[in-house]
C-alpha atoms as a PDB file:
ATOM      1  CA  MET A   1    -123.581 -18.747-138.068  1.00  0.00           C
ATOM      2  CA  LYS A   2    -126.259 -21.175-135.923  1.00  0.00           C
ATOM      3  CA  ASN A   3    -128.391 -19.340-133.764  1.00  0.00           C
ATOM      4  CA  LYS A   4    -131.319 -19.418-131.217  1.00  0.00           C
ATOM      5  CA  PRO A   5    -134.782 -18.885-132.702  1.00  0.00           C
ATOM      6  CA  ALA A   6    -135.996 -15.292-131.760  1.00  0.00           C
ATOM      7  CA  TYR A   7    -138.826 -17.136-130.533  1.00  0.00           C
ATOM      8  CA  ALA A   8    -137.258 -20.205-128.989  1.00  0.00           C
ATOM      9  CA  LEU A   9    -139.882 -22.320-126.741  1.00  0.00           C
ATOM     10  CA  GLY A  10    -138.217 -22.907-123.307  1.00  0.00           C
ATOM     11  CA  SER A  11    -140.219 -26.319-122.655  1.00  0.00           C
ATOM     12  CA  VAL A  12    -139.355 -27.819-125.837  1.00  0.00           C
ATOM     13  CA  ASP A  13    -135.996 -26.847-125.268  1.00  0.00           C
ATOM     14  CA  ASN A  14    -135.404 -28.595-122.289  1.00  0.00           C
ATOM     15  CA  VAL A  15    -137.278 -31.451-123.568  1.00  0.00           C
ATOM     16  CA  LEU A  16    -134.785 -32.008-126.065  1.00  0.00           C
ATOM     17  CA  LEU A  17    -131.619 -31.323-123.992  1.00  0.00           C
ATOM     18  CA  LEU A  18    -133.124 -34.095-121.587  1.00  0.00           C
ATOM     19  CA  LEU A  19    -133.421 -36.197-124.519  1.00  0.00           C
ATOM     20  CA  HIS A  20    -129.462 -35.660-125.179  1.00  0.00           C
ATOM     21  CA  MET A  21    -128.772 -36.046-121.575  1.00  0.00           C
ATOM     22  CA  LEU A  22    -130.347 -39.612-121.473  1.00  0.00           C
ATOM     23  CA  ARG A  23    -128.403 -40.687-124.478  1.00  0.00           C
ATOM     24  CA  ASP A  24    -125.148 -39.665-123.693  1.00  0.00           C
ATOM     25  CA  GLN A  25    -125.371 -39.790-120.141  1.00  0.00           C
ATOM     26  CA  GLY A  26    -127.293 -43.846-119.724  1.00  0.00           C
ATOM     27  CA  LYS A  27    -129.194 -42.584-116.804  1.00  0.00           C
ATOM     28  CA  LEU A  28    -130.733 -39.646-114.785  1.00  0.00           C
ATOM     29  CA  LYS A  29    -131.989 -39.035-111.470  1.00  0.00           C
ATOM     30  CA  VAL A  30    -134.034 -35.980-111.250  1.00  0.00           C
ATOM     31  CA  THR A  31    -131.880 -34.024-108.847  1.00  0.00           C
ATOM     32  CA  ASP A  32    -128.848 -34.342-111.892  1.00  0.00           C
ATOM     33  CA  VAL A  33    -131.833 -33.032-114.402  1.00  0.00           C
ATOM     34  CA  ALA A  34    -133.296 -30.064-112.529  1.00  0.00           C
ATOM     35  CA  ARG A  35    -129.479 -28.876-111.843  1.00  0.00           C
ATOM     36  CA  GLU A  36    -128.185 -29.162-115.377  1.00  0.00           C
ATOM     37  CA  LEU A  37    -131.042 -27.853-116.856  1.00  0.00           C
ATOM     38  CA  GLY A  38    -131.548 -25.193-114.275  1.00  0.00           C
ATOM     39  CA  ILE A  39    -135.378 -26.024-113.526  1.00  0.00           C
ATOM     40  CA  ALA A  40    -137.355 -26.539-110.672  1.00  0.00           C
ATOM     41  CA  ARG A  41    -137.134 -30.343-109.191  1.00  0.00           C
ATOM     42  CA  SER A  42    -141.049 -30.544-109.807  1.00  0.00           C
ATOM     43  CA  THR A  43    -140.786 -29.258-113.040  1.00  0.00           C
ATOM     44  CA  ALA A  44    -137.821 -32.201-113.573  1.00  0.00           C
ATOM     45  CA  HIS A  45    -140.314 -34.818-112.877  1.00  0.00           C
ATOM     46  CA  ARG A  46    -143.097 -33.464-114.759  1.00  0.00           C
ATOM     47  CA  LEU A  47    -141.000 -33.622-117.827  1.00  0.00           C
ATOM     48  CA  LEU A  48    -139.144 -37.183-117.149  1.00  0.00           C
ATOM     49  CA  ALA A  49    -142.467 -38.170-116.701  1.00  0.00           C
ATOM     50  CA  MET A  50    -144.084 -37.241-120.299  1.00  0.00           C
ATOM     51  CA  LEU A  51    -140.971 -39.235-121.753  1.00  0.00           C
ATOM     52  CA  VAL A  52    -142.127 -42.298-119.526  1.00  0.00           C
ATOM     53  CA  TYR A  53    -145.760 -41.421-120.923  1.00  0.00           C
ATOM     54  CA  ARG A  54    -144.545 -41.051-124.598  1.00  0.00           C
ATOM     55  CA  ASP A  55    -141.890 -44.464-123.989  1.00  0.00           C
ATOM     56  CA  PHE A  56    -138.536 -42.568-124.763  1.00  0.00           C
ATOM     57  CA  ALA A  57    -137.338 -43.221-120.968  1.00  0.00           C
ATOM     58  CA  VAL A  58    -138.027 -45.385-118.520  1.00  0.00           C
ATOM     59  CA  GLN A  59    -137.735 -45.985-115.023  1.00  0.00           C
ATOM     60  CA  ASP A  60    -136.232 -48.571-112.754  1.00  0.00           C
ATOM     61  CA  ASP A  61    -136.813 -49.795-108.735  1.00  0.00           C
ATOM     62  CA  ASN A  62    -134.404 -46.977-107.493  1.00  0.00           C
ATOM     63  CA  HIS A  63    -136.176 -43.941-109.154  1.00  0.00           C
ATOM     64  CA  ILE A  64    -133.626 -43.767-111.473  1.00  0.00           C
ATOM     65  CA  TYR A  65    -134.338 -42.728-115.337  1.00  0.00           C
ATOM     66  CA  LEU A  66    -132.933 -45.309-118.486  1.00  0.00           C
ATOM     67  CA  PRO A  67    -133.181 -44.495-122.023  1.00  0.00           C
ATOM     68  CA  GLY A  68    -136.736 -46.074-123.437  1.00  0.00           C
ATOM     69  CA  PRO A  69    -137.332 -48.026-126.450  1.00  0.00           C
ATOM     70  CA  PHE A  70    -137.491 -45.086-128.788  1.00  0.00           C
ATOM     71  CA  LEU A  71    -134.170 -43.737-127.667  1.00  0.00           C
ATOM     72  CA  SER A  72    -130.602 -45.505-128.223  1.00  0.00           C
ATOM     73  CA  SER A  73    -128.122 -44.562-125.298  1.00  0.00           C
ATOM     74  CA  GLY A  74    -125.273 -46.043-126.831  1.00  0.00           C
ATOM     75  CA  GLY A  75    -121.958 -44.272-128.108  1.00  0.00           C
ATOM     76  CA  GLY A  76    -120.074 -46.413-131.055  1.00  0.00           C
ATOM     77  CA  ASP A  77    -117.698 -48.327-128.814  1.00  0.00           C
ATOM     78  CA  ILE A  78    -118.188 -46.006-125.501  1.00  0.00           C
ATOM     79  CA  GLY A  79    -121.026 -46.848-123.727  1.00  0.00           C
ATOM     80  CA  GLY A  80    -123.274 -45.122-121.860  1.00  0.00           C
ATOM     81  CA  SER A  81    -121.981 -45.245-117.754  1.00  0.00           C
ATOM     82  CA  THR A  82    -118.078 -44.427-119.541  1.00  0.00           C
ATOM     83  CA  LEU A  83    -119.892 -41.494-121.417  1.00  0.00           C
ATOM     84  CA  ARG A  84    -120.842 -39.971-118.421  1.00  0.00           C
ATOM     85  CA  LYS A  85    -117.549 -40.184-116.755  1.00  0.00           C
ATOM     86  CA  LEU A  86    -116.080 -39.100-119.872  1.00  0.00           C
ATOM     87  CA  ARG A  87    -117.833 -35.937-119.473  1.00  0.00           C
ATOM     88  CA  GLU A  88    -117.742 -35.297-115.873  1.00  0.00           C
ATOM     89  CA  LEU A  89    -113.805 -35.579-115.517  1.00  0.00           C
ATOM     90  CA  ALA A  90    -113.405 -33.611-118.846  1.00  0.00           C
ATOM     91  CA  ARG A  91    -115.683 -30.459-117.235  1.00  0.00           C
ATOM     92  CA  PRO A  92    -113.510 -28.846-115.378  1.00  0.00           C
ATOM     93  CA  HIS A  93    -110.785 -28.764-118.144  1.00  0.00           C
ATOM     94  CA  MET A  94    -112.989 -27.466-120.857  1.00  0.00           C
ATOM     95  CA  GLU A  95    -114.153 -24.931-118.342  1.00  0.00           C
ATOM     96  CA  THR A  96    -110.533 -23.834-117.749  1.00  0.00           C
ATOM     97  CA  LEU A  97    -110.024 -23.896-121.083  1.00  0.00           C
ATOM     98  CA  CYS A  98    -112.941 -21.569-121.914  1.00  0.00           C
ATOM     99  CA  GLY A  99    -111.401 -19.564-119.497  1.00  0.00           C
ATOM    100  CA  ARG A 100    -108.247 -19.011-121.241  1.00  0.00           C
ATOM    101  CA  VAL A 101    -109.326 -18.319-124.799  1.00  0.00           C
ATOM    102  CA  HIS A 102    -113.053 -16.954-124.196  1.00  0.00           C
ATOM    103  CA  GLU A 103    -114.315 -19.228-126.825  1.00  0.00           C
ATOM    104  CA  THR A 104    -117.183 -21.839-126.614  1.00  0.00           C
ATOM    105  CA  VAL A 105    -115.211 -25.486-126.022  1.00  0.00           C
ATOM    106  CA  ASN A 106    -116.961 -28.852-127.015  1.00  0.00           C
ATOM    107  CA  LEU A 107    -116.022 -32.581-126.102  1.00  0.00           C
ATOM    108  CA  MET A 108    -117.286 -35.073-128.942  1.00  0.00           C
ATOM    109  CA  VAL A 109    -116.788 -38.737-129.682  1.00  0.00           C
ATOM    110  CA  ARG A 110    -116.396 -40.365-132.687  1.00  0.00           C
ATOM    111  CA  VAL A 111    -119.692 -42.673-134.326  1.00  0.00           C
ATOM    112  CA  GLY A 112    -118.635 -44.679-137.282  1.00  0.00           C
ATOM    113  CA  THR A 113    -118.180 -41.361-139.687  1.00  0.00           C
ATOM    114  CA  GLU A 114    -119.717 -39.017-137.628  1.00  0.00           C
ATOM    115  CA  VAL A 115    -118.932 -37.211-134.363  1.00  0.00           C
ATOM    116  CA  ARG A 116    -121.328 -36.453-131.782  1.00  0.00           C
ATOM    117  CA  PHE A 117    -120.762 -33.456-129.510  1.00  0.00           C
ATOM    118  CA  LEU A 118    -121.522 -34.765-125.847  1.00  0.00           C
ATOM    119  CA  SER A 119    -120.621 -31.576-123.756  1.00  0.00           C
ATOM    120  CA  SER A 120    -120.299 -27.648-124.564  1.00  0.00           C
ATOM    121  CA  VAL A 121    -119.055 -24.440-122.504  1.00  0.00           C
ATOM    122  CA  GLU A 122    -119.993 -21.573-123.930  1.00  0.00           C
ATOM    123  CA  SER A 123    -117.815 -18.432-124.218  1.00  0.00           C
ATOM    124  CA  SER A 124    -119.278 -15.694-122.123  1.00  0.00           C
ATOM    125  CA  GLN A 125    -118.529 -13.170-125.178  1.00  0.00           C
ATOM    126  CA  ILE A 126    -121.699 -11.731-127.078  1.00  0.00           C
ATOM    127  CA  LEU A 127    -120.709 -12.749-130.244  1.00  0.00           C
ATOM    128  CA  HIS A 128    -119.561 -16.418-129.526  1.00  0.00           C
ATOM    129  CA  VAL A 129    -121.087 -20.097-131.257  1.00  0.00           C
ATOM    130  CA  GLY A 130    -123.462 -21.624-128.894  1.00  0.00           C
ATOM    131  CA  ASP A 131    -123.807 -24.770-126.670  1.00  0.00           C
ATOM    132  CA  ARG A 132    -123.742 -27.742-129.417  1.00  0.00           C
ATOM    133  CA  ARG A 133    -124.493 -30.827-127.122  1.00  0.00           C
ATOM    134  CA  GLY A 134    -126.450 -33.355-129.054  1.00  0.00           C
ATOM    135  CA  THR A 135    -125.394 -32.065-132.328  1.00  0.00           C
ATOM    136  CA  ILE A 136    -123.780 -34.486-134.903  1.00  0.00           C
ATOM    137  CA  LEU A 137    -121.681 -33.951-138.121  1.00  0.00           C
ATOM    138  CA  PRO A 138    -119.440 -35.644-140.235  1.00  0.00           C
ATOM    139  CA  ALA A 139    -116.357 -36.640-138.734  1.00  0.00           C
ATOM    140  CA  HIS A 140    -114.382 -35.727-142.173  1.00  0.00           C
ATOM    141  CA  ARG A 141    -115.680 -31.958-141.920  1.00  0.00           C
ATOM    142  CA  ALA A 142    -115.406 -31.696-138.022  1.00  0.00           C
ATOM    143  CA  SER A 143    -111.868 -30.416-136.447  1.00  0.00           C
ATOM    144  CA  GLY A 144    -112.319 -32.995-133.872  1.00  0.00           C
ATOM    145  CA  GLY A 145    -113.784 -35.454-136.102  1.00  0.00           C
ATOM    146  CA  LYS A 146    -110.921 -35.382-138.249  1.00  0.00           C
ATOM    147  CA  VAL A 147    -108.237 -36.104-135.400  1.00  0.00           C
ATOM    148  CA  LEU A 148    -110.209 -38.711-134.907  1.00  0.00           C
ATOM    149  CA  LEU A 149    -109.939 -40.121-137.833  1.00  0.00           C
ATOM    150  CA  ALA A 150    -106.143 -39.446-137.857  1.00  0.00           C
ATOM    151  CA  GLU A 151    -105.934 -42.186-135.241  1.00  0.00           C
ATOM    152  CA  LEU A 152    -107.118 -44.897-137.547  1.00  0.00           C
ATOM    153  CA  SER A 153    -105.148 -47.041-140.312  1.00  0.00           C
ATOM    154  CA  ASP A 154    -105.046 -45.700-144.037  1.00  0.00           C
ATOM    155  CA  GLU A 155    -106.765 -49.333-144.586  1.00  0.00           C
ATOM    156  CA  ARG A 156    -109.410 -48.305-141.696  1.00  0.00           C
ATOM    157  CA  ILE A 157    -110.321 -44.891-143.485  1.00  0.00           C
ATOM    158  CA  ARG A 158    -111.024 -46.775-146.772  1.00  0.00           C
ATOM    159  CA  GLU A 159    -113.204 -49.013-144.992  1.00  0.00           C
ATOM    160  CA  LEU A 160    -115.282 -46.195-143.302  1.00  0.00           C
ATOM    161  CA  TYR A 161    -115.972 -44.498-146.531  1.00  0.00           C
ATOM    162  CA  PRO A 162    -115.853 -46.593-149.522  1.00  0.00           C
ATOM    163  CA  ASP A 163    -118.014 -44.541-151.901  1.00  0.00           C
ATOM    164  CA  LEU A 164    -115.599 -41.356-151.342  1.00  0.00           C
ATOM    165  CA  PRO A 165    -114.988 -39.284-154.532  1.00  0.00           C
ATOM    166  CA  ASP A 166    -111.237 -39.735-155.540  1.00  0.00           C
ATOM    167  CA  ALA A 167    -110.648 -36.271-155.568  1.00  0.00           C
ATOM    168  CA  GLU A 168    -111.985 -36.068-151.764  1.00  0.00           C
ATOM    169  CA  ARG A 169    -110.323 -39.075-150.650  1.00  0.00           C
ATOM    170  CA  ALA A 170    -106.811 -37.812-151.612  1.00  0.00           C
ATOM    171  CA  GLY A 171    -107.999 -34.682-150.078  1.00  0.00           C
ATOM    172  CA  LEU A 172    -109.118 -36.484-147.036  1.00  0.00           C
ATOM    173  CA  THR A 173    -105.756 -38.534-146.845  1.00  0.00           C
ATOM    174  CA  ARG A 174    -103.443 -35.154-147.216  1.00  0.00           C
ATOM    175  CA  ASP A 175    -105.727 -33.450-144.444  1.00  0.00           C
ATOM    176  CA  LEU A 176    -105.374 -36.632-142.156  1.00  0.00           C
ATOM    177  CA  GLY A 177    -101.456 -36.659-142.695  1.00  0.00           C
ATOM    178  CA  ASP A 178    -101.290 -33.309-141.770  1.00  0.00           C
ATOM    179  CA  ILE A 179    -102.560 -33.156-138.930  1.00  0.00           C
ATOM    180  CA  ARG A 180    -100.756 -36.439-137.934  1.00  0.00           C
ATOM    181  CA  ALA A 181     -97.607 -34.383-138.109  1.00  0.00           C
ATOM    182  CA  ARG A 182     -99.105 -31.111-136.579  1.00  0.00           C
ATOM    183  CA  GLY A 183    -101.300 -32.679-133.996  1.00  0.00           C
ATOM    184  CA  TYR A 184    -104.396 -30.625-134.424  1.00  0.00           C
ATOM    185  CA  GLY A 185    -107.424 -30.424-136.721  1.00  0.00           C
ATOM    186  CA  LEU A 186    -109.046 -27.237-138.487  1.00  0.00           C
ATOM    187  CA  ASN A 187    -112.164 -26.622-139.573  1.00  0.00           C
ATOM    188  CA  ILE A 188    -112.338 -23.564-141.318  1.00  0.00           C
ATOM    189  CA  GLU A 189    -116.619 -23.594-142.269  1.00  0.00           C
ATOM    190  CA  GLU A 190    -116.852 -26.952-143.584  1.00  0.00           C
ATOM    191  CA  THR A 191    -119.587 -27.624-141.428  1.00  0.00           C
ATOM    192  CA  GLU A 192    -121.530 -24.256-140.810  1.00  0.00           C
ATOM    193  CA  GLN A 193    -121.132 -21.155-142.182  1.00  0.00           C
ATOM    194  CA  GLY A 194    -119.574 -18.063-140.194  1.00  0.00           C
ATOM    195  CA  VAL A 195    -117.752 -20.777-137.709  1.00  0.00           C
ATOM    196  CA  SER A 196    -114.271 -22.105-137.081  1.00  0.00           C
ATOM    197  CA  ALA A 197    -112.853 -24.351-135.012  1.00  0.00           C
ATOM    198  CA  ILE A 198    -109.460 -26.421-134.095  1.00  0.00           C
ATOM    199  CA  GLY A 199    -109.734 -29.867-132.497  1.00  0.00           C
ATOM    200  CA  ALA A 200    -107.122 -32.365-130.767  1.00  0.00           C
ATOM    201  CA  ALA A 201    -107.604 -35.917-129.526  1.00  0.00           C
ATOM    202  CA  VAL A 202    -107.782 -36.753-126.183  1.00  0.00           C
ATOM    203  CA  HIS A 203    -106.336 -40.581-125.157  1.00  0.00           C
ATOM    204  CA  ASN A 204    -107.085 -42.618-122.614  1.00  0.00           C
ATOM    205  CA  ARG A 205    -103.787 -44.433-120.279  1.00  0.00           C
ATOM    206  CA  GLN A 206    -103.317 -46.982-122.880  1.00  0.00           C
ATOM    207  CA  GLY A 207    -103.297 -44.344-125.837  1.00  0.00           C
ATOM    208  CA  GLY A 208    -106.380 -44.869-127.511  1.00  0.00           C
ATOM    209  CA  ALA A 209    -108.129 -41.850-128.981  1.00  0.00           C
ATOM    210  CA  ILE A 210    -111.831 -41.637-127.245  1.00  0.00           C
ATOM    211  CA  ALA A 211    -112.843 -38.430-127.744  1.00  0.00           C
ATOM    212  CA  ALA A 212    -111.588 -34.630-128.878  1.00  0.00           C
ATOM    213  CA  LEU A 213    -112.022 -31.279-127.327  1.00  0.00           C
ATOM    214  CA  SER A 214    -112.288 -28.425-129.499  1.00  0.00           C
ATOM    215  CA  ILE A 215    -112.222 -24.813-129.801  1.00  0.00           C
ATOM    216  CA  ALA A 216    -115.035 -23.650-131.797  1.00  0.00           C
ATOM    217  CA  ILE A 217    -114.516 -19.844-132.743  1.00  0.00           C
ATOM    218  CA  PRO A 218    -116.641 -17.043-134.897  1.00  0.00           C
ATOM    219  CA  SER A 219    -114.574 -17.304-138.167  1.00  0.00           C
ATOM    220  CA  ALA A 220    -115.097 -13.019-137.788  1.00  0.00           C
ATOM    221  CA  ARG A 221    -112.175 -13.388-134.870  1.00  0.00           C
ATOM    222  CA  PHE A 222    -110.524 -16.512-136.382  1.00  0.00           C
ATOM    223  CA  GLY A 223    -107.368 -16.040-138.745  1.00  0.00           C
ATOM    224  CA  PRO A 224    -103.845 -17.933-139.554  1.00  0.00           C
ATOM    225  CA  ASP A 225    -102.041 -15.870-136.166  1.00  0.00           C
ATOM    226  CA  ARG A 226    -104.489 -18.083-133.688  1.00  0.00           C
ATOM    227  CA  ILE A 227    -104.217 -20.764-134.561  1.00  0.00           C
ATOM    228  CA  GLY A 228    -100.557 -21.613-132.613  1.00  0.00           C
ATOM    229  CA  PRO A 229    -101.772 -19.674-129.451  1.00  0.00           C
ATOM    230  CA  PHE A 230    -105.471 -21.644-129.714  1.00  0.00           C
ATOM    231  CA  ALA A 231    -103.317 -25.179-130.218  1.00  0.00           C
ATOM    232  CA  ARG A 232    -101.131 -24.710-127.424  1.00  0.00           C
ATOM    233  CA  GLU A 233    -104.369 -24.070-124.494  1.00  0.00           C
ATOM    234  CA  LEU A 234    -105.692 -26.826-126.671  1.00  0.00           C
ATOM    235  CA  HIS A 235    -103.116 -28.624-125.894  1.00  0.00           C
ATOM    236  CA  ARG A 236    -102.728 -27.754-122.206  1.00  0.00           C
ATOM    237  CA  ALA A 237    -105.868 -28.716-121.332  1.00  0.00           C
ATOM    238  CA  ILE A 238    -106.104 -32.050-123.218  1.00  0.00           C
ATOM    239  CA  LEU A 239    -102.948 -32.957-120.905  1.00  0.00           C
ATOM    240  CA  GLU A 240    -104.697 -32.126-117.996  1.00  0.00           C
ATOM    241  CA  THR A 241    -107.836 -33.787-118.956  1.00  0.00           C
ATOM    242  CA  GLU A 242    -105.719 -37.017-120.022  1.00  0.00           C
ATOM    243  CA  HIS A 243    -103.737 -36.625-116.555  1.00  0.00           C
ATOM    244  CA  THR A 244    -107.437 -37.077-114.812  1.00  0.00           C
ATOM    245  CA  LEU A 245    -108.362 -39.793-116.721  1.00  0.00           C
ATOM    246  CA  ALA A 246    -105.261 -41.783-116.147  1.00  0.00           C
ATOM    247  CA  ASP A 247    -106.861 -42.162-112.615  1.00  0.00           C
ATOM    248  CA  LEU A 248    -109.476 -44.321-113.877  1.00  0.00           C
ATOM    249  CA  PRO A 249    -108.850 -47.791-115.713  1.00  0.00           C
ATOM    250  CA  ASP A 250    -112.001 -48.518-117.620  1.00  0.00           C
ATOM    251  CA  LEU A 251    -111.606 -44.850-120.005  1.00  0.00           C
END
């Protein structure tokens, strides 16, 4: 399981989280940074000023901070402003789901053959999977990545994975077929020892899969008997999220 370093540097961690925020949200205000990182406005301003100095951010005429030359804000087919809306609208439902299952909940999008974690709501249990914001994982191994791949045609999968060995391609094809039938994907320690996850796709009003929600669980607490209850709560949260997204035509 991924653990925070014993001698973690809070200032460095804040800078790295700030870079994730700039990339995924597309634009930031000092008040946004202070609120999300739990720091003083003056500290947020100093952090942003250093990013501007090193060309990781730029400031416009309205004192809004935007990604600079060294930082891409793109998210595959989803633009920065849409990613920001997605995070904001999904967050309350993620918090509710976390409260129901008492495990960490993640929101992610697919970018080619990878998934990018946009947001996390951490479990309050002592042993839990930590914040995954900014993490990038292989889509065909992550639970949320698998469900997003399962929305694609077999031809598109072959285009994405032209060099996949035959045995692994056959396994992926079977896995995606099972996911289409049952509606959720599993990751049993495929990306990290000691961590398991269950994920399902979030669709827009046109029926297109735009993101995935996942529940990440320490493997010590995860077994076959828990898959059904987790899947039911996950789909319940996704229906609630999709109902919220339906009010926005550009999502």
